[in-house]
Amino acid sequence: GALEDLGAEIKSGRENVKLTYVNAKLNCKIDNNTGKIVSGTWSYTVQIRISEATISFGGFSGSAKNLYAEVNYKVVI
């Protein structure tokens, strides 16, 4: 997920983590004969808000309060 992609691990306080998905975009080509996607691009941003939790991140392990981060995803087939 988004937190793991940042290299973060929630040790406690997962209930204080809010993930919001925004700016979703989809562009694809569909084969009219099969109805299957033959190529495409989709993307979205995950906004991560942590009010209070114990985390491990990039060599840091400890209490975190009022953190905000974004992860941008893009998939191309």
Protein backbone atom coordinates (compact mmCIF):
# COMPACT_ATOMS: atom_id res chain seq x y z
CA GLY A 1 0.00 0.00 0.00
CA ALA A 2 0.87 3.66 0.07
CA LEU A 3 2.60 3.57 3.45
CA GLU A 4 4.74 0.61 2.48
CA ASP A 5 5.68 2.35 -0.79
CA LEU A 6 7.08 5.18 1.33
CA GLY A 7 9.04 2.61 3.34
CA ALA A 8 6.96 3.21 6.47
CA GLU A 9 5.58 0.68 8.92
CA ILE A 10 2.86 1.49 11.46
CA LYS A 11 3.73 -0.12 14.80
CA SER A 12 0.63 1.19 16.61
CA GLY A 13 -2.07 3.79 16.00
CA ARG A 14 -3.25 2.49 12.62
CA GLU A 15 -6.73 3.81 13.52
CA ASN A 16 -5.20 7.33 13.41
CA VAL A 17 -4.07 6.96 9.80
CA LYS A 18 -6.33 8.36 7.08
CA LEU A 19 -5.77 7.62 3.38
CA THR A 20 -7.57 9.77 0.80
CA TYR A 21 -7.45 8.96 -2.92
CA VAL A 22 -7.63 12.01 -5.22
CA ASN A 23 -7.01 13.06 -8.82
CA ALA A 24 -7.91 9.70 -10.33
CA LYS A 25 -7.43 9.63 -14.11
CA LEU A 26 -8.05 6.82 -16.58
CA ASN A 27 -7.27 6.69 -20.28
CA CYS A 28 -7.56 3.37 -22.04
CA LYS A 29 -8.12 1.69 -25.39
CA ILE A 30 -10.65 -1.14 -25.49
CA ASP A 31 -10.75 -3.84 -28.16
CA ASN A 32 -14.30 -3.64 -29.59
CA ASN A 33 -14.30 -7.37 -30.41
CA THR A 34 -13.29 -8.67 -26.99
CA GLY A 35 -14.25 -5.79 -24.69
CA LYS A 36 -10.81 -6.04 -23.04
CA ILE A 37 -8.43 -3.20 -22.30
CA VAL A 38 -5.50 -3.43 -24.73
CA SER A 39 -3.57 -0.39 -23.50
CA GLY A 40 -4.00 2.38 -21.03
CA THR A 41 -2.76 4.67 -18.32
CA TRP A 42 -4.29 5.32 -14.96
CA SER A 43 -3.03 7.39 -12.09
CA TYR A 44 -4.07 8.73 -8.72
CA THR A 45 -2.62 10.39 -5.63
CA VAL A 46 -2.89 8.97 -2.11
CA GLN A 47 -2.86 11.60 0.62
CA ILE A 48 -1.66 10.15 3.92
CA ARG A 49 -2.53 11.87 7.19
CA ILE A 50 -1.35 10.50 10.52
CA SER A 51 -2.69 12.26 13.60
CA GLU A 52 -0.68 10.14 16.04
CA ALA A 53 1.06 6.79 15.66
CA THR A 54 4.23 4.88 16.38
CA ILE A 55 6.06 4.34 13.12
CA SER A 56 9.25 3.03 11.62
CA PHE A 57 10.44 5.04 8.63
CA GLY A 58 13.84 5.46 6.98
CA GLY A 59 15.87 4.51 10.04
CA PHE A 60 13.57 6.44 12.40
CA SER A 61 11.40 4.57 14.85
CA GLY A 62 9.21 6.40 17.32
CA SER A 63 6.14 8.53 17.89
CA ALA A 64 4.80 10.64 15.04
CA LYS A 65 2.16 13.36 15.27
CA ASN A 66 0.42 15.40 12.59
CA LEU A 67 2.27 13.93 9.60
CA TYR A 68 1.20 14.42 6.00
CA ALA A 69 2.56 12.77 2.86
CA GLU A 70 1.48 12.07 -0.71
CA VAL A 71 2.21 9.10 -2.95
CA ASN A 72 1.57 9.42 -6.67
CA TYR A 73 0.78 6.22 -8.56
CA LYS A 74 0.86 5.76 -12.32
CA VAL A 75 0.26 2.49 -14.15
CA VAL A 76 0.89 2.10 -17.87
CA ILE A 77 -0.04 -1.00 -19.85
